[in-house]
Amino acid sequence: MATVAATVEWTAEIDRYVLWAEPPAARVAPEPVADGVVLLLLELDDQGRETGRIAGLALPLLEFDRRQELSALDVLWRLPGQEPLPLRELLQREQRRLRAQAGAAL
């Protein structure tokens, strides 16, 4: 299984979590999944056609509880300094971390 290096962008005020594949794509198109709650970000080429590469994923992570609805992508995601994980496991770990962080800020 291939491993994708990734970075994270999280905006706590609106609970917007974006997992970006590295290197970053110049252009992306959102593909709604999980009833439109999650956006799969697909890389586009210079002509606006999908390249087949997943450029990222955007979702409201603190409240998201439907990881099972996400398709099992055939890649492992590796955040800096962490071990590679399947998408569902990475999101579960990140959700626990961010919920703890949000709780500490209250």
PDB file of N, CA and C in Angstrom:
ATOM      1  N   MET A   1       0.853  -1.177   0.000  1.00  0.00           N
ATOM      2  CA  MET A   1       0.000   0.000   0.000  1.00  0.00           C
ATOM      3  C   MET A   1       0.896   1.237   0.000  1.00  0.00           C
ATOM      4  N   ALA A   2       0.573   2.190  -0.852  1.00  0.00           N
ATOM      5  CA  ALA A   2       1.357   3.418  -0.964  1.00  0.00           C
ATOM      6  C   ALA A   2       1.144   4.303   0.257  1.00  0.00           C
ATOM      7  N   THR A   3       2.168   5.096   0.567  1.00  0.00           N
ATOM      8  CA  THR A   3       2.092   6.046   1.676  1.00  0.00           C
ATOM      9  C   THR A   3       2.129   7.461   1.117  1.00  0.00           C
ATOM     10  N   VAL A   4       1.221   8.292   1.602  1.00  0.00           N
ATOM     11  CA  VAL A   4       1.129   9.687   1.185  1.00  0.00           C
ATOM     12  C   VAL A   4       1.553  10.574   2.347  1.00  0.00           C
ATOM     13  N   ALA A   5       2.567  11.408   2.123  1.00  0.00           N
ATOM     14  CA  ALA A   5       2.926  12.414   3.128  1.00  0.00           C
ATOM     15  C   ALA A   5       1.808  13.451   3.146  1.00  0.00           C
ATOM     16  N   ALA A   6       1.464  13.916   4.334  1.00  0.00           N
ATOM     17  CA  ALA A   6       0.323  14.829   4.445  1.00  0.00           C
ATOM     18  C   ALA A   6       0.572  15.902   5.495  1.00  0.00           C
ATOM     19  N   THR A   7      -0.159  16.979   5.358  1.00  0.00           N
ATOM     20  CA  THR A   7      -0.174  18.044   6.356  1.00  0.00           C
ATOM     21  C   THR A   7      -1.633  18.324   6.712  1.00  0.00           C
ATOM     22  N   VAL A   8      -1.827  19.038   7.808  1.00  0.00           N
ATOM     23  CA  VAL A   8      -3.174  19.314   8.310  1.00  0.00           C
ATOM     24  C   VAL A   8      -3.370  20.807   8.473  1.00  0.00           C
ATOM     25  N   GLU A   9      -4.566  21.241   8.171  1.00  0.00           N
ATOM     26  CA  GLU A   9      -4.997  22.616   8.428  1.00  0.00           C
ATOM     27  C   GLU A   9      -6.310  22.503   9.203  1.00  0.00           C
ATOM     28  N   TRP A  10      -6.369  23.100  10.383  1.00  0.00           N
ATOM     29  CA  TRP A  10      -7.599  23.037  11.178  1.00  0.00           C
ATOM     30  C   TRP A  10      -7.983  24.425  11.636  1.00  0.00           C
ATOM     31  N   THR A  11      -9.221  24.807  11.362  1.00  0.00           N
ATOM     32  CA  THR A  11      -9.768  26.078  11.807  1.00  0.00           C
ATOM     33  C   THR A  11     -10.788  25.763  12.891  1.00  0.00           C
ATOM     34  N   ALA A  12     -10.383  25.943  14.139  1.00  0.00           N
ATOM     35  CA  ALA A  12     -11.208  25.535  15.281  1.00  0.00           C
ATOM     36  C   ALA A  12     -12.543  26.270  15.343  1.00  0.00           C
ATOM     37  N   GLU A  13     -12.552  27.546  14.993  1.00  0.00           N
ATOM     38  CA  GLU A  13     -13.766  28.356  15.118  1.00  0.00           C
ATOM     39  C   GLU A  13     -14.929  27.806  14.291  1.00  0.00           C
ATOM     40  N   ILE A  14     -14.618  27.168  13.183  1.00  0.00           N
ATOM     41  CA  ILE A  14     -15.680  26.620  12.328  1.00  0.00           C
ATOM     42  C   ILE A  14     -15.555  25.101  12.179  1.00  0.00           C
ATOM     43  N   ASP A  15     -14.693  24.481  12.976  1.00  0.00           N
ATOM     44  CA  ASP A  15     -14.473  23.037  12.929  1.00  0.00           C
ATOM     45  C   ASP A  15     -14.241  22.562  11.501  1.00  0.00           C
ATOM     46  N   ARG A  16     -13.263  23.163  10.860  1.00  0.00           N
ATOM     47  CA  ARG A  16     -12.909  22.777   9.490  1.00  0.00           C
ATOM     48  C   ARG A  16     -11.531  22.133   9.521  1.00  0.00           C
ATOM     49  N   TYR A  17     -11.495  20.845   9.243  1.00  0.00           N
ATOM     50  CA  TYR A  17     -10.260  20.066   9.233  1.00  0.00           C
ATOM     51  C   TYR A  17      -9.960  19.692   7.785  1.00  0.00           C
ATOM     52  N   VAL A  18      -8.761  20.023   7.324  1.00  0.00           N
ATOM     53  CA  VAL A  18      -8.359  19.665   5.963  1.00  0.00           C
ATOM     54  C   VAL A  18      -7.062  18.881   6.039  1.00  0.00           C
ATOM     55  N   LEU A  19      -7.091  17.701   5.464  1.00  0.00           N
ATOM     56  CA  LEU A  19      -5.922  16.843   5.339  1.00  0.00           C
ATOM     57  C   LEU A  19      -5.420  17.017   3.915  1.00  0.00           C
ATOM     58  N   TRP A  20      -4.206  17.564   3.760  1.00  0.00           N
ATOM     59  CA  TRP A  20      -3.637  17.837   2.440  1.00  0.00           C
ATOM     60  C   TRP A  20      -2.558  16.821   2.108  1.00  0.00           C
ATOM     61  N   ALA A  21      -2.624  16.238   0.919  1.00  0.00           N
ATOM     62  CA  ALA A  21      -1.557  15.374   0.425  1.00  0.00           C
ATOM     63  C   ALA A  21      -0.402  16.257  -0.034  1.00  0.00           C
ATOM     64  N   GLU A  22       0.806  15.763   0.162  1.00  0.00           N
ATOM     65  CA  GLU A  22       2.004  16.468  -0.299  1.00  0.00           C
ATOM     66  C   GLU A  22       2.566  15.749  -1.522  1.00  0.00           C
ATOM     67  N   PRO A  23       3.094  16.453  -2.485  1.00  0.00           N
ATOM     68  CA  PRO A  23       3.128  17.906  -2.598  1.00  0.00           C
ATOM     69  C   PRO A  23       1.726  18.446  -2.877  1.00  0.00           C
ATOM     70  N   PRO A  24       1.492  19.698  -2.484  1.00  0.00           N
ATOM     71  CA  PRO A  24       0.151  20.262  -2.659  1.00  0.00           C
ATOM     72  C   PRO A  24      -0.225  20.385  -4.137  1.00  0.00           C
ATOM     73  N   ALA A  25      -1.480  20.186  -4.424  1.00  0.00           N
ATOM     74  CA  ALA A  25      -1.995  20.339  -5.786  1.00  0.00           C
ATOM     75  C   ALA A  25      -2.211  21.818  -6.081  1.00  0.00           C
ATOM     76  N   ALA A  26      -1.965  22.206  -7.316  1.00  0.00           N
ATOM     77  CA  ALA A  26      -2.190  23.595  -7.717  1.00  0.00           C
ATOM     78  C   ALA A  26      -3.681  23.898  -7.838  1.00  0.00           C
ATOM     79  N   ARG A  27      -4.450  22.890  -8.288  1.00  0.00           N
ATOM     80  CA  ARG A  27      -5.894  23.069  -8.465  1.00  0.00           C
ATOM     81  C   ARG A  27      -6.606  21.826  -7.957  1.00  0.00           C
ATOM     82  N   VAL A  28      -7.744  22.029  -7.307  1.00  0.00           N
ATOM     83  CA  VAL A  28      -8.535  20.899  -6.809  1.00  0.00           C
ATOM     84  C   VAL A  28     -10.013  21.114  -7.119  1.00  0.00           C
ATOM     85  N   ALA A  29     -10.736  19.999  -7.132  1.00  0.00           N
ATOM     86  CA  ALA A  29     -12.192  20.033  -7.265  1.00  0.00           C
ATOM     87  C   ALA A  29     -12.774  19.234  -6.115  1.00  0.00           C
ATOM     88  N   PRO A  30     -13.771  19.783  -5.422  1.00  0.00           N
ATOM     89  CA  PRO A  30     -14.387  19.045  -4.320  1.00  0.00           C
ATOM     90  C   PRO A  30     -15.371  17.997  -4.834  1.00  0.00           C
ATOM     91  N   GLU A  31     -15.303  16.813  -4.264  1.00  0.00           N
ATOM     92  CA  GLU A  31     -16.238  15.724  -4.565  1.00  0.00           C
ATOM     93  C   GLU A  31     -16.946  15.382  -3.264  1.00  0.00           C
ATOM     94  N   PRO A  32     -18.234  15.737  -3.120  1.00  0.00           N
ATOM     95  CA  PRO A  32     -18.949  15.464  -1.868  1.00  0.00           C
ATOM     96  C   PRO A  32     -19.107  13.961  -1.619  1.00  0.00           C
ATOM     97  N   VAL A  33     -18.855  13.542  -0.380  1.00  0.00           N
ATOM     98  CA  VAL A  33     -19.082  12.165   0.063  1.00  0.00           C
ATOM     99  C   VAL A  33     -19.746  12.224   1.435  1.00  0.00           C
ATOM    100  N   ALA A  34     -20.229  11.087   1.921  1.00  0.00           N
ATOM    101  CA  ALA A  34     -20.899  11.021   3.233  1.00  0.00           C
ATOM    102  C   ALA A  34     -22.006  12.073   3.321  1.00  0.00           C
ATOM    103  N   ASP A  35     -22.910  12.036   2.344  1.00  0.00           N
ATOM    104  CA  ASP A  35     -24.040  12.974   2.289  1.00  0.00           C
ATOM    105  C   ASP A  35     -23.602  14.432   2.192  1.00  0.00           C
ATOM    106  N   GLY A  36     -22.449  14.681   1.599  1.00  0.00           N
ATOM    107  CA  GLY A  36     -21.976  16.040   1.399  1.00  0.00           C
ATOM    108  C   GLY A  36     -21.301  16.673   2.593  1.00  0.00           C
ATOM    109  N   VAL A  37     -21.213  15.946   3.693  1.00  0.00           N
ATOM    110  CA  VAL A  37     -20.561  16.471   4.900  1.00  0.00           C
ATOM    111  C   VAL A  37     -19.049  16.527   4.702  1.00  0.00           C
ATOM    112  N   VAL A  38     -18.531  15.603   3.918  1.00  0.00           N
ATOM    113  CA  VAL A  38     -17.096  15.487   3.664  1.00  0.00           C
ATOM    114  C   VAL A  38     -16.840  15.840   2.205  1.00  0.00           C
ATOM    115  N   LEU A  39     -15.748  16.557   1.965  1.00  0.00           N
ATOM    116  CA  LEU A  39     -15.334  16.855   0.602  1.00  0.00           C
ATOM    117  C   LEU A  39     -14.022  16.139   0.325  1.00  0.00           C
ATOM    118  N   LEU A  40     -14.034  15.260  -0.659  1.00  0.00           N
ATOM    119  CA  LEU A  40     -12.818  14.648  -1.153  1.00  0.00           C
ATOM    120  C   LEU A  40     -12.254  15.641  -2.155  1.00  0.00           C
ATOM    121  N   LEU A  41     -11.018  16.053  -1.994  1.00  0.00           N
ATOM    122  CA  LEU A  41     -10.418  17.065  -2.855  1.00  0.00           C
ATOM    123  C   LEU A  41      -9.587  16.371  -3.922  1.00  0.00           C
ATOM    124  N   LEU A  42     -10.020  16.476  -5.165  1.00  0.00           N
ATOM    125  CA  LEU A  42      -9.379  15.786  -6.278  1.00  0.00           C
ATOM    126  C   LEU A  42      -8.494  16.753  -7.049  1.00  0.00           C
ATOM    127  N   GLU A  43      -7.283  16.317  -7.361  1.00  0.00           N
ATOM    128  CA  GLU A  43      -6.346  17.152  -8.107  1.00  0.00           C
ATOM    129  C   GLU A  43      -6.817  17.313  -9.551  1.00  0.00           C
ATOM    130  N   LEU A  44      -6.662  18.527 -10.079  1.00  0.00           N
ATOM    131  CA  LEU A  44      -6.976  18.828 -11.473  1.00  0.00           C
ATOM    132  C   LEU A  44      -5.708  19.208 -12.212  1.00  0.00           C
ATOM    133  N   ASP A  45      -5.648  18.871 -13.502  1.00  0.00           N
ATOM    134  CA  ASP A  45      -4.504  19.285 -14.308  1.00  0.00           C
ATOM    135  C   ASP A  45      -4.753  20.699 -14.842  1.00  0.00           C
ATOM    136  N   ASP A  46      -3.853  21.183 -15.698  1.00  0.00           N
ATOM    137  CA  ASP A  46      -3.963  22.548 -16.219  1.00  0.00           C
ATOM    138  C   ASP A  46      -5.208  22.771 -17.076  1.00  0.00           C
ATOM    139  N   GLN A  47      -5.776  21.682 -17.605  1.00  0.00           N
ATOM    140  CA  GLN A  47      -6.983  21.787 -18.417  1.00  0.00           C
ATOM    141  C   GLN A  47      -8.254  21.576 -17.588  1.00  0.00           C
ATOM    142  N   GLY A  48      -8.104  21.416 -16.273  1.00  0.00           N
ATOM    143  CA  GLY A  48      -9.257  21.236 -15.403  1.00  0.00           C
ATOM    144  C   GLY A  48      -9.783  19.817 -15.345  1.00  0.00           C
ATOM    145  N   ARG A  49      -8.980  18.854 -15.809  1.00  0.00           N
ATOM    146  CA  ARG A  49      -9.385  17.444 -15.759  1.00  0.00           C
ATOM    147  C   ARG A  49      -8.800  16.791 -14.516  1.00  0.00           C
ATOM    148  N   GLU A  50      -9.555  15.849 -13.952  1.00  0.00           N
ATOM    149  CA  GLU A  50      -9.070  15.111 -12.784  1.00  0.00           C
ATOM    150  C   GLU A  50      -7.864  14.263 -13.171  1.00  0.00           C
ATOM    151  N   THR A  51      -6.858  14.282 -12.299  1.00  0.00           N
ATOM    152  CA  THR A  51      -5.644  13.505 -12.569  1.00  0.00           C
ATOM    153  C   THR A  51      -5.708  12.100 -11.981  1.00  0.00           C
ATOM    154  N   GLY A  52      -6.672  11.851 -11.107  1.00  0.00           N
ATOM    155  CA  GLY A  52      -6.745  10.566 -10.418  1.00  0.00           C
ATOM    156  C   GLY A  52      -6.073  10.592  -9.057  1.00  0.00           C
ATOM    157  N   ARG A  53      -5.425  11.701  -8.723  1.00  0.00           N
ATOM    158  CA  ARG A  53      -4.745  11.836  -7.432  1.00  0.00           C
ATOM    159  C   ARG A  53      -5.673  12.520  -6.435  1.00  0.00           C
ATOM    160  N   ILE A  54      -5.723  11.991  -5.236  1.00  0.00           N
ATOM    161  CA  ILE A  54      -6.474  12.628  -4.157  1.00  0.00           C
ATOM    162  C   ILE A  54      -5.574  13.686  -3.536  1.00  0.00           C
ATOM    163  N   ALA A  55      -6.020  14.935  -3.586  1.00  0.00           N
ATOM    164  CA  ALA A  55      -5.225  16.044  -3.072  1.00  0.00           C
ATOM    165  C   ALA A  55      -5.515  16.325  -1.609  1.00  0.00           C
ATOM    166  N   GLY A  56      -6.625  15.790  -1.094  1.00  0.00           N
ATOM    167  CA  GLY A  56      -6.950  16.028   0.304  1.00  0.00           C
ATOM    168  C   GLY A  56      -8.378  15.667   0.635  1.00  0.00           C
ATOM    169  N   LEU A  57      -8.753  16.061   1.835  1.00  0.00           N
ATOM    170  CA  LEU A  57     -10.067  15.747   2.381  1.00  0.00           C
ATOM    171  C   LEU A  57     -10.425  16.870   3.345  1.00  0.00           C
ATOM    172  N   ALA A  58     -11.662  17.356   3.288  1.00  0.00           N
ATOM    173  CA  ALA A  58     -12.110  18.421   4.193  1.00  0.00           C
ATOM    174  C   ALA A  58     -13.393  17.984   4.884  1.00  0.00           C
ATOM    175  N   LEU A  59     -13.455  18.205   6.208  1.00  0.00           N
ATOM    176  CA  LEU A  59     -14.637  17.805   6.967  1.00  0.00           C
ATOM    177  C   LEU A  59     -14.691  18.516   8.311  1.00  0.00           C
ATOM    178  N   PRO A  60     -15.881  18.534   8.933  1.00  0.00           N
ATOM    179  CA  PRO A  60     -16.023  19.065  10.289  1.00  0.00           C
ATOM    180  C   PRO A  60     -15.647  17.957  11.276  1.00  0.00           C
ATOM    181  N   LEU A  61     -14.398  17.857  11.647  1.00  0.00           N
ATOM    182  CA  LEU A  61     -13.882  16.678  12.347  1.00  0.00           C
ATOM    183  C   LEU A  61     -14.385  16.514  13.772  1.00  0.00           C
ATOM    184  N   LEU A  62     -14.562  17.586  14.525  1.00  0.00           N
ATOM    185  CA  LEU A  62     -14.975  17.431  15.923  1.00  0.00           C
ATOM    186  C   LEU A  62     -16.310  16.714  16.057  1.00  0.00           C
ATOM    187  N   GLU A  63     -17.238  17.001  15.175  1.00  0.00           N
ATOM    188  CA  GLU A  63     -18.581  16.419  15.258  1.00  0.00           C
ATOM    189  C   GLU A  63     -18.777  15.219  14.341  1.00  0.00           C
ATOM    190  N   PHE A  64     -17.822  14.919  13.495  1.00  0.00           N
ATOM    191  CA  PHE A  64     -17.992  13.849  12.504  1.00  0.00           C
ATOM    192  C   PHE A  64     -17.949  12.489  13.183  1.00  0.00           C
ATOM    193  N   ASP A  65     -18.995  11.684  12.950  1.00  0.00           N
ATOM    194  CA  ASP A  65     -19.052  10.363  13.577  1.00  0.00           C
ATOM    195  C   ASP A  65     -19.399   9.259  12.575  1.00  0.00           C
ATOM    196  N   ARG A  66     -19.158   9.528  11.294  1.00  0.00           N
ATOM    197  CA  ARG A  66     -19.530   8.566  10.258  1.00  0.00           C
ATOM    198  C   ARG A  66     -18.323   8.113   9.445  1.00  0.00           C
ATOM    199  N   ARG A  67     -17.219   7.835  10.134  1.00  0.00           N
ATOM    200  CA  ARG A  67     -16.006   7.406   9.430  1.00  0.00           C
ATOM    201  C   ARG A  67     -16.242   6.171   8.578  1.00  0.00           C
ATOM    202  N   GLN A  68     -17.158   5.294   9.011  1.00  0.00           N
ATOM    203  CA  GLN A  68     -17.426   4.066   8.274  1.00  0.00           C
ATOM    204  C   GLN A  68     -17.988   4.352   6.880  1.00  0.00           C
ATOM    205  N   GLU A  69     -18.537   5.541   6.663  1.00  0.00           N
ATOM    206  CA  GLU A  69     -19.070   5.905   5.351  1.00  0.00           C
ATOM    207  C   GLU A  69     -17.978   6.341   4.379  1.00  0.00           C
ATOM    208  N   LEU A  70     -16.787   6.587   4.886  1.00  0.00           N
ATOM    209  CA  LEU A  70     -15.683   6.961   4.012  1.00  0.00           C
ATOM    210  C   LEU A  70     -15.140   5.706   3.356  1.00  0.00           C
ATOM    211  N   SER A  71     -14.945   5.767   2.063  1.00  0.00           N
ATOM    212  CA  SER A  71     -14.410   4.597   1.375  1.00  0.00           C
ATOM    213  C   SER A  71     -12.981   4.345   1.849  1.00  0.00           C
ATOM    214  N   ALA A  72     -12.621   3.090   1.871  1.00  0.00           N
ATOM    215  CA  ALA A  72     -11.266   2.709   2.285  1.00  0.00           C
ATOM    216  C   ALA A  72     -10.324   2.988   1.115  1.00  0.00           C
ATOM    217  N   LEU A  73      -9.634   4.107   1.171  1.00  0.00           N
ATOM    218  CA  LEU A  73      -8.698   4.464   0.109  1.00  0.00           C
ATOM    219  C   LEU A  73      -7.476   3.561   0.205  1.00  0.00           C
ATOM    220  N   ASP A  74      -6.902   3.234  -0.922  1.00  0.00           N
ATOM    221  CA  ASP A  74      -5.792   2.292  -0.967  1.00  0.00           C
ATOM    222  C   ASP A  74      -4.448   2.986  -0.719  1.00  0.00           C
ATOM    223  N   VAL A  75      -4.415   3.877   0.264  1.00  0.00           N
ATOM    224  CA  VAL A  75      -3.172   4.563   0.637  1.00  0.00           C
ATOM    225  C   VAL A  75      -3.126   4.728   2.150  1.00  0.00           C
ATOM    226  N   LEU A  76      -1.929   4.873   2.661  1.00  0.00           N
ATOM    227  CA  LEU A  76      -1.722   5.232   4.062  1.00  0.00           C
ATOM    228  C   LEU A  76      -1.353   6.706   4.095  1.00  0.00           C
ATOM    229  N   TRP A  77      -1.820   7.407   5.115  1.00  0.00           N
ATOM    230  CA  TRP A  77      -1.546   8.836   5.265  1.00  0.00           C
ATOM    231  C   TRP A  77      -0.553   9.014   6.404  1.00  0.00           C
ATOM    232  N   ARG A  78       0.510   9.802   6.154  1.00  0.00           N
ATOM    233  CA  ARG A  78       1.538  10.004   7.176  1.00  0.00           C
ATOM    234  C   ARG A  78       1.696  11.493   7.456  1.00  0.00           C
ATOM    235  N   LEU A  79       1.328  11.868   8.681  1.00  0.00           N
ATOM    236  CA  LEU A  79       1.550  13.241   9.136  1.00  0.00           C
ATOM    237  C   LEU A  79       2.982  13.359   9.635  1.00  0.00           C
ATOM    238  N   PRO A  80       3.563  14.554   9.617  1.00  0.00           N
ATOM    239  CA  PRO A  80       4.949  14.725  10.055  1.00  0.00           C
ATOM    240  C   PRO A  80       5.192  14.143  11.450  1.00  0.00           C
ATOM    241  N   GLY A  81       6.222  13.314  11.562  1.00  0.00           N
ATOM    242  CA  GLY A  81       6.616  12.742  12.843  1.00  0.00           C
ATOM    243  C   GLY A  81       5.732  11.620  13.342  1.00  0.00           C
ATOM    244  N   GLN A  82       4.806  11.142  12.522  1.00  0.00           N
ATOM    245  CA  GLN A  82       3.886  10.085  12.946  1.00  0.00           C
ATOM    246  C   GLN A  82       3.956   8.907  11.985  1.00  0.00           C
ATOM    247  N   GLU A  83       3.434   7.764  12.446  1.00  0.00           N
ATOM    248  CA  GLU A  83       3.430   6.578  11.602  1.00  0.00           C
ATOM    249  C   GLU A  83       2.297   6.678  10.578  1.00  0.00           C
ATOM    250  N   PRO A  84       2.482   6.056   9.410  1.00  0.00           N
ATOM    251  CA  PRO A  84       1.420   6.050   8.401  1.00  0.00           C
ATOM    252  C   PRO A  84       0.213   5.251   8.891  1.00  0.00           C
ATOM    253  N   LEU A  85      -0.978   5.744   8.582  1.00  0.00           N
ATOM    254  CA  LEU A  85      -2.221   5.080   8.986  1.00  0.00           C
ATOM    255  C   LEU A  85      -3.239   5.115   7.852  1.00  0.00           C
ATOM    256  N   PRO A  86      -4.151   4.134   7.824  1.00  0.00           N
ATOM    257  CA  PRO A  86      -5.290   4.245   6.913  1.00  0.00           C
ATOM    258  C   PRO A  86      -6.116   5.479   7.293  1.00  0.00           C
ATOM    259  N   LEU A  87      -6.843   6.026   6.337  1.00  0.00           N
ATOM    260  CA  LEU A  87      -7.579   7.275   6.544  1.00  0.00           C
ATOM    261  C   LEU A  87      -8.490   7.235   7.763  1.00  0.00           C
ATOM    262  N   ARG A  88      -9.283   6.202   7.911  1.00  0.00           N
ATOM    263  CA  ARG A  88     -10.228   6.140   9.034  1.00  0.00           C
ATOM    264  C   ARG A  88      -9.507   6.178  10.376  1.00  0.00           C
ATOM    265  N   GLU A  89      -8.403   5.441  10.496  1.00  0.00           N
ATOM    266  CA  GLU A  89      -7.652   5.430  11.757  1.00  0.00           C
ATOM    267  C   GLU A  89      -7.003   6.781  12.022  1.00  0.00           C
ATOM    268  N   LEU A  90      -6.459   7.396  10.981  1.00  0.00           N
ATOM    269  CA  LEU A  90      -5.841   8.713  11.155  1.00  0.00           C
ATOM    270  C   LEU A  90      -6.887   9.725  11.612  1.00  0.00           C
ATOM    271  N   LEU A  91      -8.064   9.717  11.000  1.00  0.00           N
ATOM    272  CA  LEU A  91      -9.111  10.664  11.395  1.00  0.00           C
ATOM    273  C   LEU A  91      -9.579  10.423  12.824  1.00  0.00           C
ATOM    274  N   GLN A  92      -9.655   9.167  13.228  1.00  0.00           N
ATOM    275  CA  GLN A  92     -10.058   8.857  14.603  1.00  0.00           C
ATOM    276  C   GLN A  92      -9.029   9.393  15.595  1.00  0.00           C
ATOM    277  N   ARG A  93      -7.750   9.191  15.310  1.00  0.00           N
ATOM    278  CA  ARG A  93      -6.692   9.691  16.187  1.00  0.00           C
ATOM    279  C   ARG A  93      -6.702  11.217  16.236  1.00  0.00           C
ATOM    280  N   GLU A  94      -6.828  11.847  15.080  1.00  0.00           N
ATOM    281  CA  GLU A  94      -6.858  13.302  15.022  1.00  0.00           C
ATOM    282  C   GLU A  94      -8.087  13.861  15.736  1.00  0.00           C
ATOM    283  N   GLN A  95      -9.205  13.172  15.621  1.00  0.00           N
ATOM    284  CA  GLN A  95     -10.422  13.615  16.298  1.00  0.00           C
ATOM    285  C   GLN A  95     -10.241  13.593  17.812  1.00  0.00           C
ATOM    286  N   ARG A  96      -9.654  12.523  18.334  1.00  0.00           N
ATOM    287  CA  ARG A  96      -9.394  12.453  19.784  1.00  0.00           C
ATOM    288  C   ARG A  96      -8.477  13.591  20.220  1.00  0.00           C
ATOM    289  N   ARG A  97      -7.424  13.840  19.438  1.00  0.00           N
ATOM    290  CA  ARG A  97      -6.461  14.894  19.770  1.00  0.00           C
ATOM    291  C   ARG A  97      -7.131  16.267  19.772  1.00  0.00           C
ATOM    292  N   LEU A  98      -7.901  16.549  18.741  1.00  0.00           N
ATOM    293  CA  LEU A  98      -8.524  17.870  18.632  1.00  0.00           C
ATOM    294  C   LEU A  98      -9.651  18.065  19.636  1.00  0.00           C
ATOM    295  N   ARG A  99     -10.381  17.001  19.944  1.00  0.00           N
ATOM    296  CA  ARG A  99     -11.412  17.113  20.986  1.00  0.00           C
ATOM    297  C   ARG A  99     -10.777  17.411  22.336  1.00  0.00           C
ATOM    298  N   ALA A 100      -9.663  16.758  22.641  1.00  0.00           N
ATOM    299  CA  ALA A 100      -8.959  17.028  23.899  1.00  0.00           C
ATOM    300  C   ALA A 100      -8.448  18.466  23.917  1.00  0.00           C
ATOM    301  N   GLN A 101      -7.907  18.905  22.801  1.00  0.00           N
ATOM    302  CA  GLN A 101      -7.400  20.275  22.687  1.00  0.00           C
ATOM    303  C   GLN A 101      -8.539  21.281  22.838  1.00  0.00           C
ATOM    304  N   ALA A 102      -9.671  21.026  22.212  1.00  0.00           N
ATOM    305  CA  ALA A 102     -10.821  21.934  22.307  1.00  0.00           C
ATOM    306  C   ALA A 102     -11.372  21.955  23.727  1.00  0.00           C
ATOM    307  N   GLY A 103     -11.401  20.804  24.391  1.00  0.00           N
ATOM    308  CA  GLY A 103     -11.877  20.732  25.772  1.00  0.00           C
ATOM    309  C   GLY A 103     -10.977  21.485  26.722  1.00  0.00           C
ATOM    310  N   ALA A 104      -9.674  21.444  26.476  1.00  0.00           N
ATOM    311  CA  ALA A 104      -8.717  22.148  27.327  1.00  0.00           C
ATOM    312  C   ALA A 104      -8.835  23.661  27.162  1.00  0.00           C
ATOM    313  N   ALA A 105      -9.305  24.096  25.993  1.00  0.00           N
ATOM    314  CA  ALA A 105      -9.426  25.530  25.731  1.00  0.00           C
ATOM    315  C   ALA A 105     -10.667  26.138  26.376  1.00  0.00           C
ATOM    316  N   LEU A 106     -11.597  25.298  26.814  1.00  0.00           N
ATOM    317  CA  LEU A 106     -12.836  25.825  27.410  1.00  0.00           C
ATOM    318  C   LEU A 106     -12.639  26.350  28.804  1.00  0.00           C
TER     319      LEU A 106
END
